[in-house]
Structure formats: C-alpha cells, structure tokens
C-alpha cells in the first residue's frame, strides 16, 4: 500500500523520532533530578523540565 504523499511519511517519521527522544530524555532527566535534589522537590523540578521540553518541541515543530 503506497502513501499518497511521501512528505507525509517523512513528517510522521520525524514526529516519532522526536517523541522517542522526548520520552528517553524525560527518563534521564528524572533520574538526575532525583539524584541531585531532596525528595520533596524532585517532582516540582521534574515538572518544570517536562514543561520546558514540551514547549521546546512545540516551537521546533512550528518552525518546520
């Protein structure tokens, strides 16, 4: 089955790569934040990192 638009396939592939990168980096960030902060502050700092990453992904997708 052929796709009608080859550009759509590459766009989907880049979206999957970006999402995979986001998930991997989120796990790495959580590990380092948990190691570097006191237990009560870990989730607060992690939430800020996730929000910043989501905004960054949004801005990157808006440019292309």
PDB file of N, CA and C in Angstrom:
ATOM      1  N   UNK A   1       0.843  -1.176   0.000  1.00  0.00           N
ATOM      2  CA  UNK A   1       0.000   0.000   0.000  1.00  0.00           C
ATOM      3  C   UNK A   1       0.887   1.238   0.000  1.00  0.00           C
ATOM      4  N   UNK A   2       0.738   2.078  -0.983  1.00  0.00           N
ATOM      5  CA  UNK A   2       1.562   3.269  -1.131  1.00  0.00           C
ATOM      6  C   UNK A   2       0.894   4.481  -0.487  1.00  0.00           C
ATOM      7  N   UNK A   3       1.710   5.329   0.100  1.00  0.00           N
ATOM      8  CA  UNK A   3       1.201   6.574   0.660  1.00  0.00           C
ATOM      9  C   UNK A   3       0.999   7.578  -0.466  1.00  0.00           C
ATOM     10  N   UNK A   4      -0.035   8.372  -0.368  1.00  0.00           N
ATOM     11  CA  UNK A   4      -0.323   9.363  -1.401  1.00  0.00           C
ATOM     12  C   UNK A   4       0.714  10.476  -1.404  1.00  0.00           C
ATOM     13  N   UNK A   5       1.270  10.766  -0.247  1.00  0.00           N
ATOM     14  CA  UNK A   5       2.204  11.881  -0.130  1.00  0.00           C
ATOM     15  C   UNK A   5       3.474  11.414   0.579  1.00  0.00           C
ATOM     16  N   UNK A   6       4.606  11.326  -0.142  1.00  0.00           N
ATOM     17  CA  UNK A   6       5.854  10.894   0.503  1.00  0.00           C
ATOM     18  C   UNK A   6       6.294  11.834   1.624  1.00  0.00           C
ATOM     19  N   UNK A   7       5.967  13.113   1.511  1.00  0.00           N
ATOM     20  CA  UNK A   7       6.322  14.061   2.563  1.00  0.00           C
ATOM     21  C   UNK A   7       5.624  13.765   3.872  1.00  0.00           C
ATOM     22  N   UNK A   8       4.441  13.177   3.773  1.00  0.00           N
ATOM     23  CA  UNK A   8       3.686  12.839   4.970  1.00  0.00           C
ATOM     24  C   UNK A   8       4.398  11.734   5.747  1.00  0.00           C
ATOM     25  N   UNK A   9       4.984  10.779   5.040  1.00  0.00           N
ATOM     26  CA  UNK A   9       5.720   9.700   5.707  1.00  0.00           C
ATOM     27  C   UNK A   9       6.937  10.236   6.445  1.00  0.00           C
ATOM     28  N   UNK A  10       7.676  11.135   5.820  1.00  0.00           N
ATOM     29  CA  UNK A  10       8.862  11.673   6.481  1.00  0.00           C
ATOM     30  C   UNK A  10       8.464  12.543   7.667  1.00  0.00           C
ATOM     31  N   UNK A  11       7.340  13.230   7.562  1.00  0.00           N
ATOM     32  CA  UNK A  11       6.855  14.033   8.675  1.00  0.00           C
ATOM     33  C   UNK A  11       6.465  13.142   9.846  1.00  0.00           C
ATOM     34  N   UNK A  12       5.811  12.039   9.551  1.00  0.00           N
ATOM     35  CA  UNK A  12       5.427  11.097  10.596  1.00  0.00           C
ATOM     36  C   UNK A  12       6.663  10.477  11.238  1.00  0.00           C
ATOM     37  N   UNK A  13       7.645  10.141  10.428  1.00  0.00           N
ATOM     38  CA  UNK A  13       8.878   9.555  10.954  1.00  0.00           C
ATOM     39  C   UNK A  13       9.603  10.538  11.870  1.00  0.00           C
ATOM     40  N   UNK A  14       9.673  11.800  11.484  1.00  0.00           N
ATOM     41  CA  UNK A  14      10.347  12.783  12.327  1.00  0.00           C
ATOM     42  C   UNK A  14       9.569  13.023  13.613  1.00  0.00           C
ATOM     43  N   UNK A  15       8.251  12.921  13.553  1.00  0.00           N
ATOM     44  CA  UNK A  15       7.426  13.058  14.753  1.00  0.00           C
ATOM     45  C   UNK A  15       7.689  11.901  15.715  1.00  0.00           C
ATOM     46  N   UNK A  16       7.803  10.697  15.186  1.00  0.00           N
ATOM     47  CA  UNK A  16       8.080   9.522  16.018  1.00  0.00           C
ATOM     48  C   UNK A  16       9.463   9.639  16.654  1.00  0.00           C
ATOM     49  N   UNK A  17      10.435  10.102  15.898  1.00  0.00           N
ATOM     50  CA  UNK A  17      11.787  10.278  16.436  1.00  0.00           C
ATOM     51  C   UNK A  17      11.784  11.324  17.544  1.00  0.00           C
ATOM     52  N   UNK A  18      11.092  12.436  17.324  1.00  0.00           N
ATOM     53  CA  UNK A  18      11.032  13.493  18.336  1.00  0.00           C
ATOM     54  C   UNK A  18      10.342  13.002  19.604  1.00  0.00           C
ATOM     55  N   UNK A  19       9.282  12.245  19.450  1.00  0.00           N
ATOM     56  CA  UNK A  19       8.564  11.723  20.612  1.00  0.00           C
ATOM     57  C   UNK A  19       9.420  10.713  21.374  1.00  0.00           C
ATOM     58  N   UNK A  20      10.140   9.865  20.653  1.00  0.00           N
ATOM     59  CA  UNK A  20      11.032   8.899  21.297  1.00  0.00           C
ATOM     60  C   UNK A  20      12.141   9.612  22.064  1.00  0.00           C
ATOM     61  N   UNK A  21      12.687  10.643  21.458  1.00  0.00           N
ATOM     62  CA  UNK A  21      13.727  11.437  22.113  1.00  0.00           C
ATOM     63  C   UNK A  21      13.171  12.090  23.381  1.00  0.00           C
ATOM     64  N   UNK A  22      11.958  12.617  23.292  1.00  0.00           N
ATOM     65  CA  UNK A  22      11.315  13.255  24.434  1.00  0.00           C
ATOM     66  C   UNK A  22      11.167  12.274  25.599  1.00  0.00           C
ATOM     67  N   UNK A  23      10.698  11.071  25.313  1.00  0.00           N
ATOM     68  CA  UNK A  23      10.491  10.071  26.364  1.00  0.00           C
ATOM     69  C   UNK A  23      11.823   9.657  26.982  1.00  0.00           C
ATOM     70  N   UNK A  24      12.819   9.396  26.160  1.00  0.00           N
ATOM     71  CA  UNK A  24      14.130   8.998  26.667  1.00  0.00           C
ATOM     72  C   UNK A  24      14.746  10.092  27.531  1.00  0.00           C
ATOM     73  N   UNK A  25      14.725  11.314  27.049  1.00  0.00           N
ATOM     74  CA  UNK A  25      15.295  12.420  27.812  1.00  0.00           C
ATOM     75  C   UNK A  25      14.531  12.660  29.105  1.00  0.00           C
ATOM     76  N   UNK A  26      13.235  12.426  29.094  1.00  0.00           N
ATOM     77  CA  UNK A  26      12.441  12.599  30.313  1.00  0.00           C
ATOM     78  C   UNK A  26      12.883  11.618  31.392  1.00  0.00           C
ATOM     79  N   UNK A  27      13.128  10.364  31.011  1.00  0.00           N
ATOM     80  CA  UNK A  27      13.608   9.383  31.986  1.00  0.00           C
ATOM     81  C   UNK A  27      14.987   9.766  32.511  1.00  0.00           C
ATOM     82  N   UNK A  28      15.854  10.210  31.638  1.00  0.00           N
ATOM     83  CA  UNK A  28      17.202  10.612  32.055  1.00  0.00           C
ATOM     84  C   UNK A  28      17.125  11.814  32.989  1.00  0.00           C
ATOM     85  N   UNK A  29      16.302  12.803  32.630  1.00  0.00           N
ATOM     86  CA  UNK A  29      16.139  13.977  33.491  1.00  0.00           C
ATOM     87  C   UNK A  29      15.626  13.584  34.869  1.00  0.00           C
ATOM     88  N   UNK A  30      14.624  12.713  34.896  1.00  0.00           N
ATOM     89  CA  UNK A  30      14.063  12.317  36.186  1.00  0.00           C
ATOM     90  C   UNK A  30      15.117  11.640  37.050  1.00  0.00           C
ATOM     91  N   UNK A  31      15.931  10.793  36.462  1.00  0.00           N
ATOM     92  CA  UNK A  31      16.985  10.114  37.211  1.00  0.00           C
ATOM     93  C   UNK A  31      17.954  11.120  37.819  1.00  0.00           C
ATOM     94  N   UNK A  32      18.433  12.072  37.010  1.00  0.00           N
ATOM     95  CA  UNK A  32      19.407  13.031  37.519  1.00  0.00           C
ATOM     96  C   UNK A  32      18.792  14.000  38.519  1.00  0.00           C
ATOM     97  N   UNK A  33      17.544  14.407  38.291  1.00  0.00           N
ATOM     98  CA  UNK A  33      16.882  15.288  39.254  1.00  0.00           C
ATOM     99  C   UNK A  33      16.686  14.561  40.577  1.00  0.00           C
ATOM    100  N   UNK A  34      16.290  13.299  40.517  1.00  0.00           N
ATOM    101  CA  UNK A  34      16.088  12.527  41.744  1.00  0.00           C
ATOM    102  C   UNK A  34      17.393  12.351  42.515  1.00  0.00           C
ATOM    103  N   UNK A  35      18.498  12.208  41.795  1.00  0.00           N
ATOM    104  CA  UNK A  35      19.787  12.030  42.456  1.00  0.00           C
ATOM    105  C   UNK A  35      20.299  13.340  43.058  1.00  0.00           C
ATOM    106  N   UNK A  36      19.945  14.472  42.463  1.00  0.00           N
ATOM    107  CA  UNK A  36      20.553  15.741  42.849  1.00  0.00           C
ATOM    108  C   UNK A  36      19.718  16.574  43.815  1.00  0.00           C
ATOM    109  N   UNK A  37      18.468  16.219  44.037  1.00  0.00           N
ATOM    110  CA  UNK A  37      17.619  17.062  44.874  1.00  0.00           C
ATOM    111  C   UNK A  37      17.097  16.296  46.073  1.00  0.00           C
ATOM    112  N   UNK A  38      16.583  17.058  47.007  1.00  0.00           N
ATOM    113  CA  UNK A  38      15.951  16.428  48.169  1.00  0.00           C
ATOM    114  C   UNK A  38      14.610  15.838  47.748  1.00  0.00           C
ATOM    115  N   UNK A  39      14.132  14.826  48.438  1.00  0.00           N
ATOM    116  CA  UNK A  39      12.938  14.094  47.992  1.00  0.00           C
ATOM    117  C   UNK A  39      11.688  14.944  47.767  1.00  0.00           C
ATOM    118  N   UNK A  40      11.452  15.964  48.544  1.00  0.00           N
ATOM    119  CA  UNK A  40      10.243  16.766  48.386  1.00  0.00           C
ATOM    120  C   UNK A  40      10.238  17.658  47.158  1.00  0.00           C
ATOM    121  N   UNK A  41      11.389  17.948  46.597  1.00  0.00           N
ATOM    122  CA  UNK A  41      11.492  18.889  45.477  1.00  0.00           C
ATOM    123  C   UNK A  41      11.646  18.208  44.124  1.00  0.00           C
ATOM    124  N   UNK A  42      11.853  16.917  44.101  1.00  0.00           N
ATOM    125  CA  UNK A  42      12.132  16.209  42.852  1.00  0.00           C
ATOM    126  C   UNK A  42      11.030  16.397  41.823  1.00  0.00           C
ATOM    127  N   UNK A  43       9.779  16.155  42.206  1.00  0.00           N
ATOM    128  CA  UNK A  43       8.689  16.251  41.233  1.00  0.00           C
ATOM    129  C   UNK A  43       8.451  17.679  40.771  1.00  0.00           C
ATOM    130  N   UNK A  44       8.662  18.675  41.646  1.00  0.00           N
ATOM    131  CA  UNK A  44       8.489  20.072  41.234  1.00  0.00           C
ATOM    132  C   UNK A  44       9.480  20.441  40.133  1.00  0.00           C
ATOM    133  N   UNK A  45      10.732  20.091  40.340  1.00  0.00           N
ATOM    134  CA  UNK A  45      11.764  20.407  39.348  1.00  0.00           C
ATOM    135  C   UNK A  45      11.541  19.594  38.076  1.00  0.00           C
ATOM    136  N   UNK A  46      11.162  18.336  38.232  1.00  0.00           N
ATOM    137  CA  UNK A  46      10.904  17.487  37.067  1.00  0.00           C
ATOM    138  C   UNK A  46       9.750  18.040  36.227  1.00  0.00           C
ATOM    139  N   UNK A  47       8.700  18.516  36.866  1.00  0.00           N
ATOM    140  CA  UNK A  47       7.573  19.111  36.126  1.00  0.00           C
ATOM    141  C   UNK A  47       8.035  20.315  35.308  1.00  0.00           C
ATOM    142  N   UNK A  48       8.892  21.138  35.884  1.00  0.00           N
ATOM    143  CA  UNK A  48       9.416  22.288  35.142  1.00  0.00           C
ATOM    144  C   UNK A  48      10.220  21.840  33.925  1.00  0.00           C
ATOM    145  N   UNK A  49      11.035  20.811  34.088  1.00  0.00           N
ATOM    146  CA  UNK A  49      11.818  20.299  32.962  1.00  0.00           C
ATOM    147  C   UNK A  49      10.920  19.749  31.855  1.00  0.00           C
ATOM    148  N   UNK A  50       9.868  19.021  32.237  1.00  0.00           N
ATOM    149  CA  UNK A  50       8.955  18.460  31.237  1.00  0.00           C
ATOM    150  C   UNK A  50       8.223  19.575  30.506  1.00  0.00           C
ATOM    151  N   UNK A  51       7.770  20.587  31.232  1.00  0.00           N
ATOM    152  CA  UNK A  51       7.097  21.720  30.576  1.00  0.00           C
ATOM    153  C   UNK A  51       8.027  22.419  29.595  1.00  0.00           C
ATOM    154  N   UNK A  52       9.272  22.622  30.000  1.00  0.00           N
ATOM    155  CA  UNK A  52      10.233  23.271  29.105  1.00  0.00           C
ATOM    156  C   UNK A  52      10.478  22.428  27.861  1.00  0.00           C
ATOM    157  N   UNK A  53      10.560  21.119  28.027  1.00  0.00           N
ATOM    158  CA  UNK A  53      10.783  20.247  26.875  1.00  0.00           C
ATOM    159  C   UNK A  53       9.567  20.247  25.941  1.00  0.00           C
ATOM    160  N   UNK A  54       8.355  20.252  26.490  1.00  0.00           N
ATOM    161  CA  UNK A  54       7.143  20.292  25.660  1.00  0.00           C
ATOM    162  C   UNK A  54       7.087  21.592  24.874  1.00  0.00           C
ATOM    163  N   UNK A  55       7.402  22.699  25.519  1.00  0.00           N
ATOM    164  CA  UNK A  55       7.419  23.987  24.820  1.00  0.00           C
ATOM    165  C   UNK A  55       8.478  23.973  23.726  1.00  0.00           C
ATOM    166  N   UNK A  56       9.648  23.411  24.015  1.00  0.00           N
ATOM    167  CA  UNK A  56      10.702  23.317  23.007  1.00  0.00           C
ATOM    168  C   UNK A  56      10.290  22.479  21.813  1.00  0.00           C
ATOM    169  N   UNK A  57       9.638  21.341  22.057  1.00  0.00           N
ATOM    170  CA  UNK A  57       9.158  20.506  20.951  1.00  0.00           C
ATOM    171  C   UNK A  57       8.106  21.236  20.131  1.00  0.00           C
ATOM    172  N   UNK A  58       7.221  21.957  20.808  1.00  0.00           N
ATOM    173  CA  UNK A  58       6.196  22.719  20.100  1.00  0.00           C
ATOM    174  C   UNK A  58       6.839  23.766  19.195  1.00  0.00           C
ATOM    175  N   UNK A  59       7.824  24.472  19.723  1.00  0.00           N
ATOM    176  CA  UNK A  59       8.492  25.501  18.919  1.00  0.00           C
ATOM    177  C   UNK A  59       9.249  24.887  17.746  1.00  0.00           C
ATOM    178  N   UNK A  60       9.876  23.736  17.956  1.00  0.00           N
ATOM    179  CA  UNK A  60      10.585  23.072  16.860  1.00  0.00           C
ATOM    180  C   UNK A  60       9.629  22.619  15.762  1.00  0.00           C
ATOM    181  N   UNK A  61       8.474  22.097  16.146  1.00  0.00           N
ATOM    182  CA  UNK A  61       7.524  21.644  15.127  1.00  0.00           C
ATOM    183  C   UNK A  61       6.875  22.811  14.410  1.00  0.00           C
ATOM    184  N   UNK A  62       6.771  23.947  15.052  1.00  0.00           N
ATOM    185  CA  UNK A  62       6.185  25.125  14.398  1.00  0.00           C
ATOM    186  C   UNK A  62       7.136  25.700  13.343  1.00  0.00           C
ATOM    187  N   UNK A  63       8.439  25.516  13.523  1.00  0.00           N
ATOM    188  CA  UNK A  63       9.412  26.051  12.573  1.00  0.00           C
ATOM    189  C   UNK A  63       9.441  25.264  11.278  1.00  0.00           C
ATOM    190  N   UNK A  64       9.161  23.983  11.332  1.00  0.00           N
ATOM    191  CA  UNK A  64       9.272  23.151  10.129  1.00  0.00           C
ATOM    192  C   UNK A  64       8.000  23.096   9.332  1.00  0.00           C
TER     193      UNK A  64
END
